[in-house]
Amino acid sequence: MIRQIRTHGPWLAVAALAGFSFGAPPVTAQDAAPAATPAAAAGPKALTVELNKLEPQGGGCRAYVVVQNDDDTAYQAFKLDLVLFQKDGIIGRRFAMDLAPLKAKKRTVKLFDLDDISCDKIGSFLINDVVDCKSDAGPVENCLAGTTVKSLGDVQLTK
C-alpha cells in the first residue's frame, strides 16, 4: 500500500493503475498543422521531479520527492505512473503518485510511504507516464516530455 503524506488537507489514496496504451493513431496533414492552443497545452516548460531521499518507516520506506515548478502554470493534477524496480532489476510494483497541487514558480516537497518494502530493497523508480496533468486552463498535453527528473541518492529516478 502506498500513502501520500500531506502537511495539510485530506489524505489522498493512491490507487493502482490498470490499462495500457499501445501507440497513437497515424498523423495526417491536418494533425501536423500548428494549432492555436494555450501555452499550458504544450506541456510544462520548467518542471523538475527529484527523488530526494528514502528513509525507513516501520516495515516500509518513506520517499521524499521534491518538485520544482519554475513554470508560470499552476497544476491542479499531476499524477505519475511509477514503476518500482528492486535491486535485482525485477519489477517490485507499479503505482500512481499524485504530486498535485503544484503552484506556479514554487518548490514543493511531497512524502510517500511505500508499505511492506524496505528501502534497501529498492533499486530504482521509472516514471512510466504522466497519467493526469491539468492546469486552471484544463488538460495539459505532453507533460512527460516537459518534465526533468533527477535523484540525489543511490536510488535513481528515470523517465
N, C-alpha and C. Protein backbone atom coordinates (compact mmCIF):
# COMPACT_ATOMS: atom_id res chain seq x y z
N MET A 1 0.84 -1.17 0.00
CA MET A 1 0.00 0.00 0.00
C MET A 1 0.88 1.23 0.00
N ILE A 2 0.48 2.25 -0.72
CA ILE A 2 1.21 3.49 -0.81
C ILE A 2 0.32 4.59 -0.27
N ARG A 3 0.89 5.41 0.63
CA ARG A 3 0.14 6.53 1.18
C ARG A 3 0.91 7.80 0.91
N GLN A 4 0.19 8.83 0.53
CA GLN A 4 0.79 10.14 0.37
C GLN A 4 0.59 10.88 1.68
N ILE A 5 1.64 11.53 2.15
CA ILE A 5 1.55 12.30 3.39
C ILE A 5 1.54 13.77 3.01
N ARG A 6 0.58 14.49 3.54
CA ARG A 6 0.47 15.92 3.28
C ARG A 6 0.55 16.66 4.59
N THR A 7 1.04 17.88 4.52
CA THR A 7 1.10 18.69 5.72
C THR A 7 -0.23 19.35 6.02
N HIS A 8 -1.14 19.36 5.04
CA HIS A 8 -2.47 19.92 5.22
C HIS A 8 -3.42 19.20 4.30
N GLY A 9 -4.70 19.31 4.57
CA GLY A 9 -5.71 18.71 3.70
C GLY A 9 -5.86 17.23 3.95
N PRO A 10 -6.83 16.59 3.28
CA PRO A 10 -7.11 15.18 3.50
C PRO A 10 -6.04 14.31 2.85
N TRP A 11 -5.94 13.09 3.34
CA TRP A 11 -5.03 12.10 2.73
C TRP A 11 -5.58 11.74 1.37
N LEU A 12 -4.70 11.49 0.46
CA LEU A 12 -5.09 11.10 -0.89
C LEU A 12 -4.70 9.65 -1.09
N ALA A 13 -5.69 8.82 -1.31
CA ALA A 13 -5.39 7.41 -1.56
C ALA A 13 -4.82 7.30 -2.96
N VAL A 14 -3.74 6.58 -3.08
CA VAL A 14 -3.10 6.40 -4.38
C VAL A 14 -3.45 5.00 -4.85
N ALA A 15 -4.14 4.94 -5.97
CA ALA A 15 -4.67 3.66 -6.46
C ALA A 15 -3.74 3.05 -7.49
N ALA A 16 -3.78 1.75 -7.59
CA ALA A 16 -3.03 1.06 -8.63
C ALA A 16 -3.66 1.38 -9.98
N LEU A 17 -2.84 1.41 -11.00
CA LEU A 17 -3.33 1.74 -12.32
C LEU A 17 -3.65 0.48 -13.10
N ALA A 18 -4.58 0.60 -14.02
CA ALA A 18 -4.90 -0.50 -14.92
C ALA A 18 -5.00 0.04 -16.33
N GLY A 19 -4.65 -0.77 -17.27
CA GLY A 19 -4.78 -0.39 -18.68
C GLY A 19 -3.50 0.16 -19.24
N PHE A 20 -3.32 -0.02 -20.53
CA PHE A 20 -2.14 0.43 -21.23
C PHE A 20 -2.54 1.06 -22.54
N SER A 21 -1.68 1.89 -23.08
CA SER A 21 -1.89 2.48 -24.39
C SER A 21 -0.80 1.97 -25.31
N PHE A 22 -1.16 1.49 -26.47
CA PHE A 22 -0.19 0.92 -27.40
C PHE A 22 -0.11 1.76 -28.66
N GLY A 23 0.50 2.92 -28.56
CA GLY A 23 0.73 3.74 -29.75
C GLY A 23 -0.35 4.77 -29.97
N ALA A 24 -0.13 5.56 -31.00
CA ALA A 24 -1.05 6.64 -31.33
C ALA A 24 -1.53 6.44 -32.76
N PRO A 25 -2.68 7.05 -33.12
CA PRO A 25 -3.15 6.93 -34.49
C PRO A 25 -2.19 7.62 -35.44
N PRO A 26 -2.23 7.28 -36.73
CA PRO A 26 -1.33 7.91 -37.70
C PRO A 26 -1.57 9.42 -37.77
N VAL A 27 -0.51 10.16 -38.07
CA VAL A 27 -0.59 11.61 -38.17
C VAL A 27 -1.02 11.97 -39.59
N THR A 28 -2.02 12.86 -39.71
CA THR A 28 -2.48 13.34 -41.01
C THR A 28 -1.94 14.73 -41.24
N ALA A 29 -2.08 15.24 -42.44
CA ALA A 29 -1.63 16.60 -42.76
C ALA A 29 -2.35 17.61 -41.88
N GLN A 30 -3.63 17.36 -41.60
CA GLN A 30 -4.40 18.27 -40.75
C GLN A 30 -3.84 18.26 -39.33
N ASP A 31 -3.45 17.05 -38.83
CA ASP A 31 -2.89 16.96 -37.49
C ASP A 31 -1.54 17.67 -37.40
N ALA A 32 -0.77 17.65 -38.47
CA ALA A 32 0.57 18.22 -38.46
C ALA A 32 0.55 19.74 -38.46
N ALA A 33 -0.55 20.36 -38.86
CA ALA A 33 -0.64 21.82 -38.89
C ALA A 33 -0.63 22.36 -37.47
N PRO A 34 0.10 23.44 -37.22
CA PRO A 34 0.12 24.00 -35.87
C PRO A 34 -1.27 24.49 -35.48
N ALA A 35 -1.63 24.24 -34.24
CA ALA A 35 -2.94 24.65 -33.74
C ALA A 35 -2.77 25.82 -32.80
N ALA A 36 -3.77 26.66 -32.74
CA ALA A 36 -3.76 27.77 -31.80
C ALA A 36 -4.25 27.25 -30.46
N THR A 37 -3.30 26.95 -29.56
CA THR A 37 -3.65 26.42 -28.25
C THR A 37 -3.01 27.27 -27.18
N PRO A 38 -3.56 27.23 -25.98
CA PRO A 38 -2.95 27.98 -24.90
C PRO A 38 -1.54 27.45 -24.62
N ALA A 39 -0.69 28.28 -24.05
CA ALA A 39 0.69 27.88 -23.76
C ALA A 39 0.73 26.66 -22.85
N ALA A 40 -0.21 26.55 -21.91
CA ALA A 40 -0.22 25.42 -20.98
C ALA A 40 -0.46 24.10 -21.69
N ALA A 41 -1.12 24.12 -22.82
CA ALA A 41 -1.42 22.88 -23.53
C ALA A 41 -0.17 22.24 -24.12
N ALA A 42 0.92 22.98 -24.22
CA ALA A 42 2.16 22.46 -24.79
C ALA A 42 2.97 21.67 -23.78
N GLY A 43 2.58 21.64 -22.54
CA GLY A 43 3.31 20.90 -21.51
C GLY A 43 4.17 21.83 -20.68
N PRO A 44 4.66 21.30 -19.56
CA PRO A 44 5.46 22.12 -18.66
C PRO A 44 6.75 22.60 -19.35
N LYS A 45 7.15 23.80 -19.03
CA LYS A 45 8.39 24.35 -19.58
C LYS A 45 9.55 24.13 -18.62
N ALA A 46 9.30 24.11 -17.34
CA ALA A 46 10.36 24.01 -16.36
C ALA A 46 9.87 23.31 -15.10
N LEU A 47 9.62 22.01 -15.21
CA LEU A 47 9.13 21.22 -14.09
C LEU A 47 10.13 20.10 -13.82
N THR A 48 10.68 20.05 -12.61
CA THR A 48 11.65 19.03 -12.24
C THR A 48 11.11 18.21 -11.08
N VAL A 49 11.18 16.87 -11.24
CA VAL A 49 10.79 15.95 -10.18
C VAL A 49 12.08 15.29 -9.68
N GLU A 50 12.34 15.44 -8.39
CA GLU A 50 13.58 14.94 -7.79
C GLU A 50 13.27 13.93 -6.71
N LEU A 51 13.85 12.73 -6.79
CA LEU A 51 13.80 11.79 -5.69
C LEU A 51 14.91 12.23 -4.74
N ASN A 52 14.52 12.84 -3.62
CA ASN A 52 15.50 13.45 -2.74
C ASN A 52 16.13 12.44 -1.80
N LYS A 53 15.28 11.64 -1.12
CA LYS A 53 15.83 10.63 -0.22
C LYS A 53 14.78 9.59 0.11
N LEU A 54 15.26 8.46 0.59
CA LEU A 54 14.42 7.39 1.11
C LEU A 54 14.84 7.16 2.56
N GLU A 55 13.85 6.88 3.43
CA GLU A 55 14.20 6.56 4.82
C GLU A 55 13.26 5.48 5.33
N PRO A 56 13.79 4.58 6.16
CA PRO A 56 12.95 3.52 6.73
C PRO A 56 11.80 4.11 7.52
N GLN A 57 10.64 3.50 7.39
CA GLN A 57 9.43 3.93 8.10
C GLN A 57 8.67 2.68 8.51
N GLY A 58 8.84 2.24 9.75
CA GLY A 58 8.19 1.00 10.19
C GLY A 58 8.71 -0.16 9.36
N GLY A 59 7.80 -0.94 8.76
CA GLY A 59 8.18 -2.05 7.90
C GLY A 59 8.32 -1.65 6.45
N GLY A 60 8.23 -0.35 6.17
CA GLY A 60 8.27 0.13 4.80
C GLY A 60 9.34 1.18 4.59
N CYS A 61 9.09 2.04 3.61
CA CYS A 61 10.06 3.05 3.23
C CYS A 61 9.33 4.35 2.90
N ARG A 62 9.84 5.45 3.38
CA ARG A 62 9.27 6.76 3.08
C ARG A 62 10.12 7.43 2.00
N ALA A 63 9.46 7.90 0.94
CA ALA A 63 10.14 8.59 -0.16
C ALA A 63 9.85 10.08 -0.06
N TYR A 64 10.90 10.88 -0.17
CA TYR A 64 10.79 12.33 -0.21
C TYR A 64 10.99 12.77 -1.65
N VAL A 65 9.98 13.41 -2.22
CA VAL A 65 10.02 13.86 -3.60
C VAL A 65 9.92 15.39 -3.61
N VAL A 66 10.88 16.04 -4.28
CA VAL A 66 10.89 17.49 -4.40
C VAL A 66 10.49 17.84 -5.83
N VAL A 67 9.49 18.72 -5.96
CA VAL A 67 9.04 19.17 -7.27
C VAL A 67 9.33 20.66 -7.37
N GLN A 68 10.13 21.02 -8.37
CA GLN A 68 10.45 22.42 -8.64
C GLN A 68 9.65 22.85 -9.86
N ASN A 69 8.66 23.72 -9.64
CA ASN A 69 7.85 24.22 -10.74
C ASN A 69 8.30 25.65 -11.05
N ASP A 70 9.17 25.78 -12.06
CA ASP A 70 9.62 27.10 -12.49
C ASP A 70 8.72 27.66 -13.58
N ASP A 71 7.66 26.93 -13.89
CA ASP A 71 6.70 27.32 -14.92
C ASP A 71 5.75 28.39 -14.36
N ASP A 72 5.14 29.18 -15.24
CA ASP A 72 4.13 30.16 -14.85
C ASP A 72 2.78 29.49 -14.62
N THR A 73 2.71 28.19 -14.88
CA THR A 73 1.45 27.44 -14.79
C THR A 73 1.36 26.71 -13.47
N ALA A 74 0.21 26.81 -12.81
CA ALA A 74 -0.09 26.01 -11.62
C ALA A 74 -0.81 24.75 -12.10
N TYR A 75 -0.52 23.63 -11.47
CA TYR A 75 -1.12 22.35 -11.86
C TYR A 75 -2.04 21.84 -10.76
N GLN A 76 -3.31 21.61 -11.13
CA GLN A 76 -4.28 21.05 -10.20
C GLN A 76 -4.21 19.52 -10.20
N ALA A 77 -3.67 18.95 -11.25
CA ALA A 77 -3.47 17.49 -11.33
C ALA A 77 -2.11 17.24 -11.96
N PHE A 78 -1.33 16.36 -11.33
CA PHE A 78 -0.05 15.91 -11.89
C PHE A 78 0.22 14.53 -11.29
N LYS A 79 -0.34 13.53 -11.94
CA LYS A 79 -0.28 12.16 -11.43
C LYS A 79 0.66 11.33 -12.29
N LEU A 80 1.62 10.70 -11.63
CA LEU A 80 2.62 9.89 -12.30
C LEU A 80 2.28 8.40 -12.22
N ASP A 81 2.54 7.68 -13.30
CA ASP A 81 2.50 6.22 -13.34
C ASP A 81 3.94 5.77 -13.06
N LEU A 82 4.18 5.23 -11.87
CA LEU A 82 5.53 4.86 -11.45
C LEU A 82 5.70 3.35 -11.38
N VAL A 83 6.91 2.91 -11.71
CA VAL A 83 7.28 1.50 -11.56
C VAL A 83 8.49 1.46 -10.65
N LEU A 84 8.40 0.64 -9.61
CA LEU A 84 9.49 0.44 -8.67
C LEU A 84 10.23 -0.82 -9.09
N PHE A 85 11.54 -0.70 -9.31
CA PHE A 85 12.38 -1.84 -9.62
C PHE A 85 13.17 -2.20 -8.37
N GLN A 86 13.26 -3.48 -8.08
CA GLN A 86 14.07 -3.96 -6.97
C GLN A 86 15.54 -3.89 -7.38
N LYS A 87 16.44 -4.10 -6.42
CA LYS A 87 17.88 -4.01 -6.72
C LYS A 87 18.33 -5.02 -7.75
N ASP A 88 17.62 -6.16 -7.87
CA ASP A 88 17.99 -7.18 -8.86
C ASP A 88 17.42 -6.87 -10.24
N GLY A 89 16.74 -5.72 -10.39
CA GLY A 89 16.19 -5.32 -11.68
C GLY A 89 14.77 -5.80 -11.94
N ILE A 90 14.25 -6.65 -11.07
CA ILE A 90 12.89 -7.17 -11.21
C ILE A 90 11.90 -6.12 -10.71
N ILE A 91 10.80 -5.97 -11.46
CA ILE A 91 9.76 -5.01 -11.08
C ILE A 91 9.15 -5.44 -9.75
N GLY A 92 9.12 -4.50 -8.81
CA GLY A 92 8.55 -4.76 -7.49
C GLY A 92 7.08 -4.42 -7.43
N ARG A 93 6.72 -3.30 -8.02
CA ARG A 93 5.31 -2.89 -8.08
C ARG A 93 5.14 -1.70 -8.99
N ARG A 94 3.90 -1.48 -9.37
CA ARG A 94 3.51 -0.34 -10.20
C ARG A 94 2.43 0.41 -9.43
N PHE A 95 2.52 1.73 -9.39
CA PHE A 95 1.55 2.51 -8.64
C PHE A 95 1.47 3.93 -9.20
N ALA A 96 0.46 4.66 -8.74
CA ALA A 96 0.29 6.06 -9.13
C ALA A 96 0.70 6.95 -7.96
N MET A 97 1.32 8.07 -8.30
CA MET A 97 1.72 9.05 -7.29
C MET A 97 1.20 10.41 -7.76
N ASP A 98 0.32 11.01 -6.97
CA ASP A 98 -0.24 12.31 -7.32
C ASP A 98 0.56 13.39 -6.61
N LEU A 99 1.24 14.23 -7.38
CA LEU A 99 2.08 15.28 -6.83
C LEU A 99 1.36 16.62 -6.72
N ALA A 100 0.14 16.71 -7.24
CA ALA A 100 -0.62 17.97 -7.23
C ALA A 100 -1.19 18.24 -5.84
N PRO A 101 -1.51 19.48 -5.59
CA PRO A 101 -1.41 20.64 -6.47
C PRO A 101 0.02 21.17 -6.50
N LEU A 102 0.39 21.76 -7.64
CA LEU A 102 1.71 22.38 -7.81
C LEU A 102 1.50 23.84 -8.15
N LYS A 103 1.93 24.71 -7.27
CA LYS A 103 1.80 26.15 -7.50
C LYS A 103 2.85 26.61 -8.51
N ALA A 104 2.52 27.67 -9.24
CA ALA A 104 3.45 28.27 -10.20
C ALA A 104 4.65 28.85 -9.45
N LYS A 105 5.84 28.71 -10.06
CA LYS A 105 7.07 29.30 -9.52
C LYS A 105 7.30 28.91 -8.06
N LYS A 106 7.09 27.61 -7.74
CA LYS A 106 7.17 27.16 -6.35
C LYS A 106 7.85 25.81 -6.25
N ARG A 107 8.67 25.62 -5.24
CA ARG A 107 9.29 24.34 -4.90
C ARG A 107 8.43 23.68 -3.82
N THR A 108 8.13 22.39 -4.01
CA THR A 108 7.23 21.67 -3.11
C THR A 108 7.85 20.33 -2.74
N VAL A 109 7.67 19.91 -1.49
CA VAL A 109 8.13 18.59 -1.03
C VAL A 109 6.91 17.73 -0.75
N LYS A 110 6.90 16.52 -1.32
CA LYS A 110 5.83 15.55 -1.10
C LYS A 110 6.46 14.30 -0.48
N LEU A 111 5.74 13.69 0.47
CA LEU A 111 6.21 12.47 1.12
C LEU A 111 5.25 11.34 0.81
N PHE A 112 5.81 10.16 0.54
CA PHE A 112 5.01 8.98 0.23
C PHE A 112 5.55 7.80 0.99
N ASP A 113 4.66 7.05 1.64
CA ASP A 113 5.05 5.84 2.32
C ASP A 113 4.82 4.65 1.41
N LEU A 114 5.85 3.85 1.26
CA LEU A 114 5.76 2.60 0.50
C LEU A 114 5.74 1.48 1.52
N ASP A 115 4.55 0.99 1.83
CA ASP A 115 4.39 -0.04 2.85
C ASP A 115 4.91 -1.38 2.35
N ASP A 116 5.40 -2.18 3.27
CA ASP A 116 5.80 -3.56 3.02
C ASP A 116 6.97 -3.72 2.07
N ILE A 117 7.81 -2.70 1.93
CA ILE A 117 9.06 -2.84 1.18
C ILE A 117 10.11 -1.98 1.87
N SER A 118 11.23 -2.59 2.21
CA SER A 118 12.28 -1.83 2.89
C SER A 118 13.09 -1.03 1.88
N CYS A 119 13.62 0.08 2.32
CA CYS A 119 14.36 0.98 1.44
C CYS A 119 15.55 0.29 0.78
N ASP A 120 16.19 -0.63 1.51
CA ASP A 120 17.38 -1.29 0.95
C ASP A 120 17.05 -2.30 -0.15
N LYS A 121 15.78 -2.56 -0.39
CA LYS A 121 15.36 -3.46 -1.48
C LYS A 121 15.03 -2.70 -2.77
N ILE A 122 14.95 -1.35 -2.69
CA ILE A 122 14.56 -0.53 -3.84
C ILE A 122 15.80 -0.21 -4.67
N GLY A 123 15.74 -0.54 -5.97
CA GLY A 123 16.85 -0.28 -6.86
C GLY A 123 16.68 1.02 -7.63
N SER A 124 15.47 1.26 -8.16
CA SER A 124 15.20 2.48 -8.93
C SER A 124 13.71 2.65 -9.12
N PHE A 125 13.34 3.86 -9.60
CA PHE A 125 11.97 4.17 -9.97
C PHE A 125 11.97 4.66 -11.41
N LEU A 126 10.94 4.27 -12.16
CA LEU A 126 10.75 4.73 -13.52
C LEU A 126 9.43 5.47 -13.60
N ILE A 127 9.46 6.72 -14.11
CA ILE A 127 8.21 7.41 -14.42
C ILE A 127 7.78 6.87 -15.77
N ASN A 128 6.82 5.97 -15.75
CA ASN A 128 6.35 5.31 -16.95
C ASN A 128 5.55 6.27 -17.83
N ASP A 129 4.80 7.17 -17.17
CA ASP A 129 3.98 8.14 -17.90
C ASP A 129 3.42 9.14 -16.90
N VAL A 130 2.89 10.23 -17.42
CA VAL A 130 2.09 11.17 -16.62
C VAL A 130 0.65 10.90 -17.03
N VAL A 131 -0.15 10.35 -16.11
CA VAL A 131 -1.50 9.90 -16.46
C VAL A 131 -2.58 10.96 -16.27
N ASP A 132 -2.26 12.03 -15.54
CA ASP A 132 -3.21 13.12 -15.36
C ASP A 132 -2.42 14.40 -15.17
N CYS A 133 -2.68 15.38 -16.03
CA CYS A 133 -1.94 16.64 -15.99
C CYS A 133 -2.91 17.75 -16.37
N LYS A 134 -3.30 18.57 -15.38
CA LYS A 134 -4.28 19.64 -15.63
C LYS A 134 -3.85 20.93 -14.95
N SER A 135 -4.09 22.02 -15.66
CA SER A 135 -3.88 23.36 -15.11
C SER A 135 -5.25 24.02 -14.96
N ASP A 136 -5.26 25.28 -14.54
CA ASP A 136 -6.52 26.02 -14.46
C ASP A 136 -7.21 26.10 -15.81
N ALA A 137 -6.41 26.10 -16.89
CA ALA A 137 -6.96 26.20 -18.25
C ALA A 137 -7.49 24.87 -18.78
N GLY A 138 -7.27 23.79 -18.05
CA GLY A 138 -7.75 22.48 -18.48
C GLY A 138 -6.61 21.49 -18.66
N PRO A 139 -6.89 20.38 -19.37
CA PRO A 139 -5.86 19.34 -19.56
C PRO A 139 -4.62 19.89 -20.28
N VAL A 140 -3.45 19.43 -19.84
CA VAL A 140 -2.19 19.84 -20.42
C VAL A 140 -1.61 18.64 -21.16
N GLU A 141 -1.22 18.85 -22.40
CA GLU A 141 -0.66 17.78 -23.23
C GLU A 141 0.85 17.66 -23.02
N ASN A 142 1.36 16.46 -23.22
CA ASN A 142 2.80 16.19 -23.28
C ASN A 142 3.54 16.55 -21.99
N CYS A 143 2.95 16.27 -20.85
CA CYS A 143 3.58 16.60 -19.57
C CYS A 143 4.86 15.80 -19.32
N LEU A 144 4.91 14.56 -19.76
CA LEU A 144 6.11 13.75 -19.52
C LEU A 144 7.31 14.34 -20.25
N ALA A 145 7.13 14.76 -21.50
CA ALA A 145 8.24 15.30 -22.28
C ALA A 145 8.80 16.58 -21.66
N GLY A 146 7.96 17.36 -21.02
CA GLY A 146 8.40 18.62 -20.45
C GLY A 146 8.88 18.51 -19.02
N THR A 147 8.99 17.29 -18.50
CA THR A 147 9.40 17.08 -17.11
C THR A 147 10.83 16.55 -17.05
N THR A 148 11.65 17.16 -16.21
CA THR A 148 13.01 16.70 -15.97
C THR A 148 13.02 15.92 -14.67
N VAL A 149 13.85 14.87 -14.61
CA VAL A 149 13.95 14.07 -13.40
C VAL A 149 15.38 14.02 -12.91
N LYS A 150 15.54 13.84 -11.59
CA LYS A 150 16.87 13.66 -11.02
C LYS A 150 16.75 12.97 -9.67
N SER A 151 17.88 12.47 -9.17
CA SER A 151 17.95 11.80 -7.87
C SER A 151 19.17 12.31 -7.13
N LEU A 152 19.04 12.44 -5.83
CA LEU A 152 20.18 12.86 -5.03
C LEU A 152 20.84 11.70 -4.31
N GLY A 153 20.15 10.57 -4.20
CA GLY A 153 20.70 9.40 -3.51
C GLY A 153 21.13 8.33 -4.49
N ASP A 154 21.33 7.12 -3.95
CA ASP A 154 21.76 5.98 -4.75
C ASP A 154 20.63 5.43 -5.61
N VAL A 155 19.38 5.59 -5.18
CA VAL A 155 18.24 5.09 -5.93
C VAL A 155 17.89 6.10 -7.01
N GLN A 156 17.91 5.66 -8.26
CA GLN A 156 17.70 6.56 -9.39
C GLN A 156 16.22 6.69 -9.76
N LEU A 157 15.86 7.87 -10.22
CA LEU A 157 14.54 8.16 -10.79
C LEU A 157 14.78 8.50 -12.26
N THR A 158 14.12 7.75 -13.17
CA THR A 158 14.27 7.97 -14.60
C THR A 158 12.91 8.09 -15.24
N LYS A 159 12.93 8.48 -16.53
CA LYS A 159 11.68 8.50 -17.30
C LYS A 159 11.92 7.91 -18.66
